[in-house]
All heavy atoms as atom14 arrays in JSON, in Angstrom:
{
  "sequence": "LTLDIAKEQLSDSIGSNESGIITVETIQKVVSDYYNISVSE",
  "atom14_mask": [
    [1, 1, 1, 1, 1, 1, 1, 1, 0, 0, 0, 0, 0, 0],
    [1, 1, 1, 1, 1, 1, 1, 0, 0, 0, 0, 0, 0, 0],
    [1, 1, 1, 1, 1, 1, 1, 1, 0, 0, 0, 0, 0, 0],
    [1, 1, 1, 1, 1, 1, 1, 1, 0, 0, 0, 0, 0, 0],
    [1, 1, 1, 1, 1, 1, 1, 1, 0, 0, 0, 0, 0, 0],
    [1, 1, 1, 1, 1, 0, 0, 0, 0, 0, 0, 0, 0, 0],
    [1, 1, 1, 1, 1, 1, 1, 1, 1, 0, 0, 0, 0, 0],
    [1, 1, 1, 1, 1, 1, 1, 1, 1, 0, 0, 0, 0, 0],
    [1, 1, 1, 1, 1, 1, 1, 1, 1, 0, 0, 0, 0, 0],
    [1, 1, 1, 1, 1, 1, 1, 1, 0, 0, 0, 0, 0, 0],
    [1, 1, 1, 1, 1, 1, 0, 0, 0, 0, 0, 0, 0, 0],
    [1, 1, 1, 1, 1, 1, 1, 1, 0, 0, 0, 0, 0, 0],
    [1, 1, 1, 1, 1, 1, 0, 0, 0, 0, 0, 0, 0, 0],
    [1, 1, 1, 1, 1, 1, 1, 1, 0, 0, 0, 0, 0, 0],
    [1, 1, 1, 1, 0, 0, 0, 0, 0, 0, 0, 0, 0, 0],
    [1, 1, 1, 1, 1, 1, 0, 0, 0, 0, 0, 0, 0, 0],
    [1, 1, 1, 1, 1, 1, 1, 1, 0, 0, 0, 0, 0, 0],
    [1, 1, 1, 1, 1, 1, 1, 1, 1, 0, 0, 0, 0, 0],
    [1, 1, 1, 1, 1, 1, 0, 0, 0, 0, 0, 0, 0, 0],
    [1, 1, 1, 1, 0, 0, 0, 0, 0, 0, 0, 0, 0, 0],
    [1, 1, 1, 1, 1, 1, 1, 1, 0, 0, 0, 0, 0, 0],
    [1, 1, 1, 1, 1, 1, 1, 1, 0, 0, 0, 0, 0, 0],
    [1, 1, 1, 1, 1, 1, 1, 0, 0, 0, 0, 0, 0, 0],
    [1, 1, 1, 1, 1, 1, 1, 0, 0, 0, 0, 0, 0, 0],
    [1, 1, 1, 1, 1, 1, 1, 1, 1, 0, 0, 0, 0, 0],
    [1, 1, 1, 1, 1, 1, 1, 0, 0, 0, 0, 0, 0, 0],
    [1, 1, 1, 1, 1, 1, 1, 1, 0, 0, 0, 0, 0, 0],
    [1, 1, 1, 1, 1, 1, 1, 1, 1, 0, 0, 0, 0, 0],
    [1, 1, 1, 1, 1, 1, 1, 1, 1, 0, 0, 0, 0, 0],
    [1, 1, 1, 1, 1, 1, 1, 0, 0, 0, 0, 0, 0, 0],
    [1, 1, 1, 1, 1, 1, 1, 0, 0, 0, 0, 0, 0, 0],
    [1, 1, 1, 1, 1, 1, 0, 0, 0, 0, 0, 0, 0, 0],
    [1, 1, 1, 1, 1, 1, 1, 1, 0, 0, 0, 0, 0, 0],
    [1, 1, 1, 1, 1, 1, 1, 1, 1, 1, 1, 1, 0, 0],
    [1, 1, 1, 1, 1, 1, 1, 1, 1, 1, 1, 1, 0, 0],
    [1, 1, 1, 1, 1, 1, 1, 1, 0, 0, 0, 0, 0, 0],
    [1, 1, 1, 1, 1, 1, 1, 1, 0, 0, 0, 0, 0, 0],
    [1, 1, 1, 1, 1, 1, 0, 0, 0, 0, 0, 0, 0, 0],
    [1, 1, 1, 1, 1, 1, 1, 0, 0, 0, 0, 0, 0, 0],
    [1, 1, 1, 1, 1, 1, 0, 0, 0, 0, 0, 0, 0, 0],
    [1, 1, 1, 1, 1, 1, 1, 1, 1, 0, 0, 0, 0, 0]
  ],
  "atom14_positions": [
    [[-3.59, -16.3, 0.15], [-4.33, -17.2, -0.73], [-5.04, -18.27, 0.09], [-4.41, -18.95, 0.9], [-3.38, -17.84, -1.74], [-4.0, -18.51, -2.96], [-4.85, -17.53, -3.75], [-2.91, -19.08, -3.84], [0.0, 0.0, 0.0], [0.0, 0.0, 0.0], [0.0, 0.0, 0.0], [0.0, 0.0, 0.0], [0.0, 0.0, 0.0], [0.0, 0.0, 0.0]],
    [[-6.33, -18.43, -0.11], [-7.11, -19.47, 0.57], [-7.77, -20.36, -0.47], [-7.83, -20.03, -1.67], [-8.19, -18.86, 1.46], [-9.15, -18.18, 0.61], [-7.59, -17.87, 2.46], [0.0, 0.0, 0.0], [0.0, 0.0, 0.0], [0.0, 0.0, 0.0], [0.0, 0.0, 0.0], [0.0, 0.0, 0.0], [0.0, 0.0, 0.0], [0.0, 0.0, 0.0]],
    [[-8.32, -21.47, -0.02], [-8.99, -22.39, -0.92], [-10.22, -21.73, -1.55], [-10.48, -21.91, -2.75], [-9.4, -23.66, -0.18], [-10.04, -24.77, -1.02], [-9.09, -25.23, -2.11], [-10.44, -25.95, -0.13], [0.0, 0.0, 0.0], [0.0, 0.0, 0.0], [0.0, 0.0, 0.0], [0.0, 0.0, 0.0], [0.0, 0.0, 0.0], [0.0, 0.0, 0.0]],
    [[-10.96, -20.95, -0.79], [-12.15, -20.27, -1.33], [-11.77, -19.28, -2.42], [-12.44, -19.18, -3.46], [-12.9, -19.56, -0.2], [-13.63, -20.53, 0.71], [-13.89, -21.66, 0.27], [-13.93, -20.14, 1.86], [0.0, 0.0, 0.0], [0.0, 0.0, 0.0], [0.0, 0.0, 0.0], [0.0, 0.0, 0.0], [0.0, 0.0, 0.0], [0.0, 0.0, 0.0]],
    [[-10.69, -18.52, -2.18], [-10.22, -17.57, -3.2], [-9.79, -18.31, -4.45], [-10.09, -17.91, -5.59], [-9.07, -16.71, -2.65], [-9.6, -15.72, -1.6], [-8.38, -15.94, -3.79], [-8.51, -14.91, -0.92], [0.0, 0.0, 0.0], [0.0, 0.0, 0.0], [0.0, 0.0, 0.0], [0.0, 0.0, 0.0], [0.0, 0.0, 0.0], [0.0, 0.0, 0.0]],
    [[-9.08, -19.43, -4.28], [-8.6, -20.22, -5.41], [-9.78, -20.75, -6.23], [-9.76, -20.72, -7.47], [-7.73, -21.37, -4.92], [0.0, 0.0, 0.0], [0.0, 0.0, 0.0], [0.0, 0.0, 0.0], [0.0, 0.0, 0.0], [0.0, 0.0, 0.0], [0.0, 0.0, 0.0], [0.0, 0.0, 0.0], [0.0, 0.0, 0.0], [0.0, 0.0, 0.0]],
    [[-10.82, -21.25, -5.55], [-12.0, -21.75, -6.25], [-12.68, -20.65, -7.05], [-13.13, -20.87, -8.18], [-12.98, -22.36, -5.26], [-12.56, -23.7, -4.7], [-13.59, -24.24, -3.72], [-13.2, -25.61, -3.2], [-14.19, -26.14, -2.21], [0.0, 0.0, 0.0], [0.0, 0.0, 0.0], [0.0, 0.0, 0.0], [0.0, 0.0, 0.0], [0.0, 0.0, 0.0]],
    [[-12.73, -19.46, -6.46], [-13.33, -18.33, -7.15], [-12.54, -17.94, -8.39], [-13.11, -17.7, -9.47], [-13.41, -17.13, -6.2], [-14.05, -15.9, -6.81], [-14.05, -14.71, -5.86], [-13.84, -14.92, -4.64], [-14.25, -13.58, -6.32], [0.0, 0.0, 0.0], [0.0, 0.0, 0.0], [0.0, 0.0, 0.0], [0.0, 0.0, 0.0], [0.0, 0.0, 0.0]],
    [[-11.23, -17.92, -8.27], [-10.37, -17.55, -9.39], [-10.37, -18.6, -10.5], [-10.18, -18.28, -11.68], [-8.94, -17.32, -8.9], [-8.76, -16.09, -8.04], [-9.1, -14.81, -8.81], [-8.55, -14.55, -9.87], [-10.04, -14.04, -8.27], [0.0, 0.0, 0.0], [0.0, 0.0, 0.0], [0.0, 0.0, 0.0], [0.0, 0.0, 0.0], [0.0, 0.0, 0.0]],
    [[-10.57, -19.86, -10.13], [-10.56, -20.94, -11.12], [-11.97, -21.4, -11.48], [-12.15, -22.49, -12.02], [-9.75, -22.13, -10.57], [-8.28, -21.87, -10.27], [-7.63, -23.13, -9.71], [-7.53, -21.4, -11.51], [0.0, 0.0, 0.0], [0.0, 0.0, 0.0], [0.0, 0.0, 0.0], [0.0, 0.0, 0.0], [0.0, 0.0, 0.0], [0.0, 0.0, 0.0]],
    [[-12.96, -20.58, -11.19], [-14.35, -20.99, -11.4], [-14.65, -21.36, -12.84], [-15.46, -22.25, -13.1], [-15.31, -19.87, -10.93], [-15.05, -18.67, -11.66], [0.0, 0.0, 0.0], [0.0, 0.0, 0.0], [0.0, 0.0, 0.0], [0.0, 0.0, 0.0], [0.0, 0.0, 0.0], [0.0, 0.0, 0.0], [0.0, 0.0, 0.0], [0.0, 0.0, 0.0]],
    [[-14.01, -20.69, -13.79], [-14.24, -21.01, -15.21], [-13.8, -22.42, -15.54], [-14.37, -23.06, -16.43], [-13.5, -20.02, -16.12], [-14.11, -18.63, -16.07], [-15.26, -18.51, -15.6], [-13.44, -17.68, -16.48], [0.0, 0.0, 0.0], [0.0, 0.0, 0.0], [0.0, 0.0, 0.0], [0.0, 0.0, 0.0], [0.0, 0.0, 0.0], [0.0, 0.0, 0.0]],
    [[-12.77, -22.89, -14.85], [-12.25, -24.23, -15.11], [-12.95, -25.29, -14.28], [-13.19, -26.41, -14.73], [-10.74, -24.28, -14.83], [-10.06, -23.37, -15.65], [0.0, 0.0, 0.0], [0.0, 0.0, 0.0], [0.0, 0.0, 0.0], [0.0, 0.0, 0.0], [0.0, 0.0, 0.0], [0.0, 0.0, 0.0], [0.0, 0.0, 0.0], [0.0, 0.0, 0.0]],
    [[-13.27, -24.9, -13.03], [-13.89, -25.87, -12.12], [-15.38, -25.99, -12.39], [-15.97, -27.05, -12.27], [-13.66, -25.46, -10.65], [-12.16, -25.44, -10.35], [-14.37, -26.41, -9.7], [-11.83, -24.89, -8.98], [0.0, 0.0, 0.0], [0.0, 0.0, 0.0], [0.0, 0.0, 0.0], [0.0, 0.0, 0.0], [0.0, 0.0, 0.0], [0.0, 0.0, 0.0]],
    [[-16.02, -24.87, -12.78], [-17.45, -24.86, -12.96], [-18.14, -25.05, -11.62], [-17.69, -24.56, -10.6], [0.0, 0.0, 0.0], [0.0, 0.0, 0.0], [0.0, 0.0, 0.0], [0.0, 0.0, 0.0], [0.0, 0.0, 0.0], [0.0, 0.0, 0.0], [0.0, 0.0, 0.0], [0.0, 0.0, 0.0], [0.0, 0.0, 0.0], [0.0, 0.0, 0.0]],
    [[-19.21, -25.78, -11.61], [-19.97, -26.0, -10.38], [-19.54, -27.26, -9.67], [-20.13, -27.67, -8.69], [-21.47, -26.09, -10.7], [-21.92, -24.87, -11.27], [0.0, 0.0, 0.0], [0.0, 0.0, 0.0], [0.0, 0.0, 0.0], [0.0, 0.0, 0.0], [0.0, 0.0, 0.0], [0.0, 0.0, 0.0], [0.0, 0.0, 0.0], [0.0, 0.0, 0.0]],
    [[-18.56, -27.95, -10.18], [-18.04, -29.15, -9.53], [-17.11, -28.71, -8.41], [-15.97, -28.34, -8.64], [-17.27, -30.0, -10.57], [-16.79, -31.3, -9.97], [-16.83, -31.51, -8.77], [-16.32, -32.17, -10.86], [0.0, 0.0, 0.0], [0.0, 0.0, 0.0], [0.0, 0.0, 0.0], [0.0, 0.0, 0.0], [0.0, 0.0, 0.0], [0.0, 0.0, 0.0]],
    [[-17.59, -28.72, -7.18], [-16.86, -28.13, -6.06], [-15.5, -28.77, -5.84], [-14.56, -28.14, -5.42], [-17.7, -28.25, -4.77], [-18.88, -27.3, -4.72], [-18.42, -25.85, -4.72], [-17.52, -25.49, -3.95], [-18.96, -25.06, -5.51], [0.0, 0.0, 0.0], [0.0, 0.0, 0.0], [0.0, 0.0, 0.0], [0.0, 0.0, 0.0], [0.0, 0.0, 0.0]],
    [[-15.39, -30.06, -6.09], [-14.12, -30.74, -5.83], [-13.14, -30.55, -6.96], [-11.94, -30.75, -6.8], [-14.37, -32.24, -5.64], [-14.81, -32.83, -6.85], [0.0, 0.0, 0.0], [0.0, 0.0, 0.0], [0.0, 0.0, 0.0], [0.0, 0.0, 0.0], [0.0, 0.0, 0.0], [0.0, 0.0, 0.0], [0.0, 0.0, 0.0], [0.0, 0.0, 0.0]],
    [[-13.67, -30.18, -8.16], [-12.78, -30.06, -9.31], [-12.46, -31.41, -9.93], [-11.71, -31.49, -10.88], [0.0, 0.0, 0.0], [0.0, 0.0, 0.0], [0.0, 0.0, 0.0], [0.0, 0.0, 0.0], [0.0, 0.0, 0.0], [0.0, 0.0, 0.0], [0.0, 0.0, 0.0], [0.0, 0.0, 0.0], [0.0, 0.0, 0.0], [0.0, 0.0, 0.0]],
    [[-13.02, -32.51, -9.38], [-12.72, -33.85, -9.86], [-13.85, -34.33, -10.76], [-15.03, -34.31, -10.37], [-12.54, -34.83, -8.68], [-11.41, -34.34, -7.77], [-12.25, -36.23, -9.19], [-11.28, -35.15, -6.5], [0.0, 0.0, 0.0], [0.0, 0.0, 0.0], [0.0, 0.0, 0.0], [0.0, 0.0, 0.0], [0.0, 0.0, 0.0], [0.0, 0.0, 0.0]],
    [[-13.53, -34.76, -11.94], [-14.52, -35.26, -12.89], [-14.52, -36.79, -12.81], [-13.46, -37.42, -12.84], [-14.2, -34.8, -14.32], [-14.29, -33.27, -14.4], [-15.14, -35.44, -15.33], [-13.79, -32.69, -15.71], [0.0, 0.0, 0.0], [0.0, 0.0, 0.0], [0.0, 0.0, 0.0], [0.0, 0.0, 0.0], [0.0, 0.0, 0.0], [0.0, 0.0, 0.0]],
    [[-15.69, -37.37, -12.7], [-15.81, -38.83, -12.62], [-16.43, -39.38, -13.9], [-17.1, -38.66, -14.66], [-16.68, -39.24, -11.43], [-18.02, -38.78, -11.64], [-16.13, -38.64, -10.13], [0.0, 0.0, 0.0], [0.0, 0.0, 0.0], [0.0, 0.0, 0.0], [0.0, 0.0, 0.0], [0.0, 0.0, 0.0], [0.0, 0.0, 0.0], [0.0, 0.0, 0.0]],
    [[-16.24, -40.67, -14.13], [-16.86, -41.33, -15.27], [-18.38, -41.3, -15.14], [-19.11, -41.13, -16.13], [-16.36, -42.79, -15.38], [-17.16, -43.55, -16.44], [-14.88, -42.83, -15.74], [0.0, 0.0, 0.0], [0.0, 0.0, 0.0], [0.0, 0.0, 0.0], [0.0, 0.0, 0.0], [0.0, 0.0, 0.0], [0.0, 0.0, 0.0], [0.0, 0.0, 0.0]],
    [[-18.86, -41.4, -13.93], [-20.31, -41.34, -13.68], [-20.89, -40.01, -14.16], [-21.97, -39.98, -14.8], [-20.58, -41.53, -12.19], [-22.07, -41.57, -11.84], [-22.31, -41.75, -10.35], [-21.32, -41.78, -9.58], [-23.48, -41.86, -9.96], [0.0, 0.0, 0.0], [0.0, 0.0, 0.0], [0.0, 0.0, 0.0], [0.0, 0.0, 0.0], [0.0, 0.0, 0.0]],
    [[-20.19, -38.92, -13.88], [-20.64, -37.6, -14.34], [-20.67, -37.54, -15.87], [-21.61, -37.04, -16.48], [-19.72, -36.5, -13.79], [-19.79, -36.48, -12.38], [-20.11, -35.13, -14.33], [0.0, 0.0, 0.0], [0.0, 0.0, 0.0], [0.0, 0.0, 0.0], [0.0, 0.0, 0.0], [0.0, 0.0, 0.0], [0.0, 0.0, 0.0], [0.0, 0.0, 0.0]],
    [[-19.62, -38.04, -16.48], [-19.53, -38.03, -17.95], [-20.67, -38.85, -18.55], [-21.32, -38.43, -19.52], [-18.16, -38.59, -18.4], [-17.04, -37.62, -17.98], [-18.14, -38.82, -19.91], [-15.66, -38.17, -18.18], [0.0, 0.0, 0.0], [0.0, 0.0, 0.0], [0.0, 0.0, 0.0], [0.0, 0.0, 0.0], [0.0, 0.0, 0.0], [0.0, 0.0, 0.0]],
    [[-20.95, -40.02, -17.98], [-22.04, -40.86, -18.49], [-23.38, -40.14, -18.4], [-24.2, -40.21, -19.33], [-22.07, -42.17, -17.71], [-20.9, -43.08, -18.0], [-20.85, -44.29, -17.07], [-21.42, -44.26, -15.97], [-20.18, -45.35, -17.5], [0.0, 0.0, 0.0], [0.0, 0.0, 0.0], [0.0, 0.0, 0.0], [0.0, 0.0, 0.0], [0.0, 0.0, 0.0]],
    [[-23.61, -39.46, -17.28], [-24.88, -38.76, -17.09], [-25.04, -37.61, -18.09], [-26.1, -37.46, -18.72], [-24.95, -38.2, -15.66], [-26.26, -37.51, -15.32], [-27.41, -38.51, -15.24], [-28.69, -37.86, -14.68], [-29.32, -36.99, -15.67], [0.0, 0.0, 0.0], [0.0, 0.0, 0.0], [0.0, 0.0, 0.0], [0.0, 0.0, 0.0], [0.0, 0.0, 0.0]],
    [[-23.98, -36.81, -18.26], [-24.04, -35.67, -19.17], [-24.23, -36.12, -20.61], [-25.07, -35.58, -21.36], [-22.78, -34.8, -19.04], [-22.72, -33.75, -20.15], [-22.73, -34.13, -17.68], [0.0, 0.0, 0.0], [0.0, 0.0, 0.0], [0.0, 0.0, 0.0], [0.0, 0.0, 0.0], [0.0, 0.0, 0.0], [0.0, 0.0, 0.0], [0.0, 0.0, 0.0]],
    [[-23.47, -37.13, -21.04], [-23.57, -37.63, -22.42], [-24.94, -38.26, -22.67], [-25.56, -38.05, -23.72], [-22.45, -38.65, -22.71], [-22.66, -39.3, -24.08], [-21.08, -37.97, -22.66], [0.0, 0.0, 0.0], [0.0, 0.0, 0.0], [0.0, 0.0, 0.0], [0.0, 0.0, 0.0], [0.0, 0.0, 0.0], [0.0, 0.0, 0.0], [0.0, 0.0, 0.0]],
    [[-25.45, -39.0, -21.69], [-26.78, -39.62, -21.84], [-27.87, -38.57, -21.98], [-28.76, -38.69, -22.83], [-27.08, -40.52, -20.63], [-26.18, -41.6, -20.57], [0.0, 0.0, 0.0], [0.0, 0.0, 0.0], [0.0, 0.0, 0.0], [0.0, 0.0, 0.0], [0.0, 0.0, 0.0], [0.0, 0.0, 0.0], [0.0, 0.0, 0.0], [0.0, 0.0, 0.0]],
    [[-27.8, -37.53, -21.16], [-28.79, -36.45, -21.25], [-28.7, -35.74, -22.6], [-29.74, -35.39, -23.2], [-28.57, -35.44, -20.12], [-28.96, -36.0, -18.75], [-29.62, -37.06, -18.72], [-28.59, -35.38, -17.74], [0.0, 0.0, 0.0], [0.0, 0.0, 0.0], [0.0, 0.0, 0.0], [0.0, 0.0, 0.0], [0.0, 0.0, 0.0], [0.0, 0.0, 0.0]],
    [[-27.49, -35.54, -23.07], [-27.29, -34.82, -24.34], [-27.92, -35.59, -25.51], [-28.51, -35.01, -26.42], [-25.79, -34.63, -24.58], [-25.43, -33.83, -25.81], [-25.38, -32.44, -25.77], [-25.15, -34.47, -27.01], [-25.05, -31.7, -26.9], [-24.82, -33.74, -28.15], [-24.77, -32.36, -28.09], [-24.45, -31.63, -29.22], [0.0, 0.0, 0.0], [0.0, 0.0, 0.0]],
    [[-27.78, -36.93, -25.48], [-28.31, -37.76, -26.58], [-29.69, -38.33, -26.27], [-30.21, -39.16, -27.04], [-27.32, -38.89, -26.89], [-26.11, -38.41, -27.67], [-24.92, -38.13, -27.03], [-26.19, -38.22, -29.05], [-23.82, -37.68, -27.74], [-25.09, -37.78, -29.77], [-23.9, -37.5, -29.11], [-22.82, -37.06, -29.82], [0.0, 0.0, 0.0], [0.0, 0.0, 0.0]],
    [[-30.26, -37.91, -25.12], [-31.61, -38.33, -24.75], [-31.73, -39.86, -24.67], [-32.66, -40.47, -25.2], [-32.64, -37.78, -25.75], [-34.05, -37.82, -25.19], [-34.26, -37.8, -23.97], [-35.04, -37.91, -26.08], [0.0, 0.0, 0.0], [0.0, 0.0, 0.0], [0.0, 0.0, 0.0], [0.0, 0.0, 0.0], [0.0, 0.0, 0.0], [0.0, 0.0, 0.0]],
    [[-30.77, -40.48, -24.03], [-30.8, -41.91, -23.76], [-30.54, -42.11, -22.26], [-30.14, -41.18, -21.57], [-29.76, -42.7, -24.59], [-28.34, -42.19, -24.27], [-30.06, -42.59, -26.08], [-27.24, -42.97, -24.99], [0.0, 0.0, 0.0], [0.0, 0.0, 0.0], [0.0, 0.0, 0.0], [0.0, 0.0, 0.0], [0.0, 0.0, 0.0], [0.0, 0.0, 0.0]],
    [[-30.73, -43.32, -21.78], [-30.47, -43.6, -20.37], [-29.02, -44.06, -20.18], [-28.38, -44.54, -21.13], [-31.41, -44.68, -19.85], [-31.11, -45.93, -20.45], [0.0, 0.0, 0.0], [0.0, 0.0, 0.0], [0.0, 0.0, 0.0], [0.0, 0.0, 0.0], [0.0, 0.0, 0.0], [0.0, 0.0, 0.0], [0.0, 0.0, 0.0], [0.0, 0.0, 0.0]],
    [[-28.54, -43.93, -18.95], [-27.17, -44.39, -18.65], [-27.07, -45.89, -18.85], [-26.06, -46.4, -19.34], [-26.77, -44.0, -17.2], [-25.43, -44.63, -16.84], [-26.7, -42.49, -17.05], [0.0, 0.0, 0.0], [0.0, 0.0, 0.0], [0.0, 0.0, 0.0], [0.0, 0.0, 0.0], [0.0, 0.0, 0.0], [0.0, 0.0, 0.0], [0.0, 0.0, 0.0]],
    [[-28.12, -46.62, -18.5], [-28.09, -48.08, -18.68], [-27.99, -48.45, -20.16], [-27.3, -49.41, -20.53], [-29.33, -48.71, -18.06], [-30.51, -48.2, -18.66], [0.0, 0.0, 0.0], [0.0, 0.0, 0.0], [0.0, 0.0, 0.0], [0.0, 0.0, 0.0], [0.0, 0.0, 0.0], [0.0, 0.0, 0.0], [0.0, 0.0, 0.0], [0.0, 0.0, 0.0]],
    [[-28.65, -47.67, -21.03], [-28.53, -47.92, -22.47], [-27.11, -47.6, -22.94], [-26.55, -48.31, -23.78], [-29.54, -47.04, -23.23], [-30.97, -47.51, -23.12], [-31.92, -46.59, -23.85], [-31.83, -45.36, -23.64], [-32.75, -47.09, -24.63], [0.0, 0.0, 0.0], [0.0, 0.0, 0.0], [0.0, 0.0, 0.0], [0.0, 0.0, 0.0], [0.0, 0.0, 0.0]]
  ]
}
């Protein structure tokens, strides 16, 4: 078992976030884009 194999097997959960770590900044950007507003708003 290697890290690359693990990432491949968990790709559905990790998605394209290589570190697997979700930040508040990411959440703010995704939610803002979804509602068509800016992060500052």
